[in-house]
Amino acid sequence: MEQKNQGKISIQQEEKQGDQLVYGPILGEREYLYFSEAKESLESLTWEDAEQICNRKLLPDPSILTKAWRRDESGDWQPHDERVLLLFDDK
């Protein structure tokens, strides 16, 4: 019997809508067999890692939103933890 992945992370980039800063649609996701792997990946994620997950260069906006998700008993993804990753210009 095939086991379904139990964890994943998603990446969203900050966008400006009028005077508000919001996070846009999910740009990339990576699934993990175990939720603990997704949580660990979220905690050590870098900007470069996020670009690899999204398979593209992210805009040089100040931040991205990363979320860890856990699959529930019904097979649906439920958000579990989120973090904001900031881009610092080291020039």
C-alpha atoms as a PDB file:
ATOM      1  CA  MET A   1       0.000   0.000   0.000  1.00  0.00           C
ATOM      2  CA  GLU A   2       1.377   3.392  -0.989  1.00  0.00           C
ATOM      3  CA  GLN A   3       1.881   5.860   1.851  1.00  0.00           C
ATOM      4  CA  LYS A   4       0.832   9.454   1.214  1.00  0.00           C
ATOM      5  CA  ASN A   5       3.100  12.331   2.107  1.00  0.00           C
ATOM      6  CA  GLN A   6       2.156  13.727   5.511  1.00  0.00           C
ATOM      7  CA  GLY A   7       3.834  17.146   5.376  1.00  0.00           C
ATOM      8  CA  LYS A   8       4.564  19.967   2.985  1.00  0.00           C
ATOM      9  CA  ILE A   9       5.762  23.560   2.906  1.00  0.00           C
ATOM     10  CA  SER A  10       4.462  26.359   0.717  1.00  0.00           C
ATOM     11  CA  ILE A  11       5.948  29.696  -0.374  1.00  0.00           C
ATOM     12  CA  GLN A  12       4.063  32.966  -0.949  1.00  0.00           C
ATOM     13  CA  GLN A  13       5.588  36.349  -1.823  1.00  0.00           C
ATOM     14  CA  GLU A  14       4.645  39.724  -0.423  1.00  0.00           C
ATOM     15  CA  GLU A  15       2.604  41.969  -2.751  1.00  0.00           C
ATOM     16  CA  LYS A  16       1.334  45.485  -2.386  1.00  0.00           C
ATOM     17  CA  GLN A  17      -2.413  45.962  -2.928  1.00  0.00           C
ATOM     18  CA  GLY A  18      -3.191  49.645  -2.579  1.00  0.00           C
ATOM     19  CA  ASP A  19      -1.839  50.711   0.802  1.00  0.00           C
ATOM     20  CA  GLN A  20      -1.770  47.172   2.181  1.00  0.00           C
ATOM     21  CA  LEU A  21       0.931  44.549   2.030  1.00  0.00           C
ATOM     22  CA  VAL A  22      -0.499  41.069   1.535  1.00  0.00           C
ATOM     23  CA  TYR A  23       0.853  37.688   0.509  1.00  0.00           C
ATOM     24  CA  GLY A  24      -0.065  36.521  -2.974  1.00  0.00           C
ATOM     25  CA  PRO A  25      -0.843  33.037  -4.257  1.00  0.00           C
ATOM     26  CA  ILE A  26       1.317  30.027  -3.478  1.00  0.00           C
ATOM     27  CA  LEU A  27       4.348  30.104  -5.790  1.00  0.00           C
ATOM     28  CA  GLY A  28       5.797  26.749  -4.859  1.00  0.00           C
ATOM     29  CA  GLU A  29       5.353  23.714  -2.646  1.00  0.00           C
ATOM     30  CA  ARG A  30       7.448  20.762  -1.581  1.00  0.00           C
ATOM     31  CA  GLU A  31       5.973  17.637  -0.007  1.00  0.00           C
ATOM     32  CA  TYR A  32       7.632  15.398   2.582  1.00  0.00           C
ATOM     33  CA  LEU A  33       6.883  11.861   3.671  1.00  0.00           C
ATOM     34  CA  TYR A  34       6.739  12.926   7.322  1.00  0.00           C
ATOM     35  CA  PHE A  35       5.420  16.148   8.822  1.00  0.00           C
ATOM     36  CA  SER A  36       8.541  16.428  11.010  1.00  0.00           C
ATOM     37  CA  GLU A  37      10.633  16.744   7.816  1.00  0.00           C
ATOM     38  CA  ALA A  38       8.451  19.612   6.594  1.00  0.00           C
ATOM     39  CA  LYS A  39       8.700  21.362   9.965  1.00  0.00           C
ATOM     40  CA  GLU A  40      12.491  20.963  10.026  1.00  0.00           C
ATOM     41  CA  SER A  41      12.757  22.277   6.456  1.00  0.00           C
ATOM     42  CA  LEU A  42      10.623  25.288   7.359  1.00  0.00           C
ATOM     43  CA  GLU A  43      12.870  26.117  10.311  1.00  0.00           C
ATOM     44  CA  SER A  44      16.068  26.060   8.228  1.00  0.00           C
ATOM     45  CA  LEU A  45      14.702  27.547   4.987  1.00  0.00           C
ATOM     46  CA  THR A  46      16.789  30.210   3.226  1.00  0.00           C
ATOM     47  CA  TRP A  47      15.837  32.609   0.434  1.00  0.00           C
ATOM     48  CA  GLU A  48      17.800  30.425  -2.004  1.00  0.00           C
ATOM     49  CA  ASP A  49      15.945  27.310  -0.837  1.00  0.00           C
ATOM     50  CA  ALA A  50      12.647  29.114  -1.424  1.00  0.00           C
ATOM     51  CA  GLU A  51      13.722  29.983  -4.972  1.00  0.00           C
ATOM     52  CA  GLN A  52      14.553  26.325  -5.636  1.00  0.00           C
ATOM     53  CA  ILE A  53      11.165  25.210  -4.316  1.00  0.00           C
ATOM     54  CA  CYS A  54       9.415  27.819  -6.496  1.00  0.00           C
ATOM     55  CA  ASN A  55      11.675  26.909  -9.436  1.00  0.00           C
ATOM     56  CA  ARG A  56      12.246  30.587 -10.181  1.00  0.00           C
ATOM     57  CA  LYS A  57      13.978  33.718  -8.969  1.00  0.00           C
ATOM     58  CA  LEU A  58      11.823  35.516  -6.413  1.00  0.00           C
ATOM     59  CA  LEU A  59      11.294  39.247  -6.660  1.00  0.00           C
ATOM     60  CA  PRO A  60      13.531  41.316  -4.391  1.00  0.00           C
ATOM     61  CA  ASP A  61      10.588  42.223  -2.167  1.00  0.00           C
ATOM     62  CA  PRO A  62      11.250  42.390   1.543  1.00  0.00           C
ATOM     63  CA  SER A  63       9.631  39.109   2.564  1.00  0.00           C
ATOM     64  CA  ILE A  64       8.069  35.767   1.761  1.00  0.00           C
ATOM     65  CA  LEU A  65       5.596  33.757   3.819  1.00  0.00           C
ATOM     66  CA  THR A  66       6.391  30.092   4.376  1.00  0.00           C
ATOM     67  CA  LYS A  67       3.916  27.619   5.846  1.00  0.00           C
ATOM     68  CA  ALA A  68       4.132  24.055   7.066  1.00  0.00           C
ATOM     69  CA  TRP A  69       1.087  21.894   6.342  1.00  0.00           C
ATOM     70  CA  ARG A  70      -0.014  18.572   7.822  1.00  0.00           C
ATOM     71  CA  ARG A  71      -2.315  16.065   6.119  1.00  0.00           C
ATOM     72  CA  ASP A  72      -5.286  15.196   8.361  1.00  0.00           C
ATOM     73  CA  GLU A  73      -7.128  11.873   8.623  1.00  0.00           C
ATOM     74  CA  SER A  74      -9.465  12.809   5.767  1.00  0.00           C
ATOM     75  CA  GLY A  75      -6.503  13.494   3.452  1.00  0.00           C
ATOM     76  CA  ASP A  76      -6.885  17.283   3.437  1.00  0.00           C
ATOM     77  CA  TRP A  77      -3.981  19.662   4.050  1.00  0.00           C
ATOM     78  CA  GLN A  78      -4.238  21.787   7.199  1.00  0.00           C
ATOM     79  CA  PRO A  79      -1.890  24.719   7.927  1.00  0.00           C
ATOM     80  CA  HIS A  80       0.208  24.079  10.990  1.00  0.00           C
ATOM     81  CA  ASP A  81       2.928  26.718  11.308  1.00  0.00           C
ATOM     82  CA  GLU A  82       4.027  29.781   9.381  1.00  0.00           C
ATOM     83  CA  ARG A  83       7.073  32.013   9.265  1.00  0.00           C
ATOM     84  CA  VAL A  84       8.050  35.189   7.470  1.00  0.00           C
ATOM     85  CA  LEU A  85      11.449  35.129   5.781  1.00  0.00           C
ATOM     86  CA  LEU A  86      13.007  38.544   5.206  1.00  0.00           C
ATOM     87  CA  LEU A  87      15.434  39.462   2.433  1.00  0.00           C
ATOM     88  CA  PHE A  88      18.265  41.639   3.662  1.00  0.00           C
ATOM     89  CA  ASP A  89      20.329  43.722   1.267  1.00  0.00           C
ATOM     90  CA  ASP A  90      23.899  43.318   2.421  1.00  0.00           C
ATOM     91  CA  LYS A  91      25.365  45.970   0.136  1.00  0.00           C
END
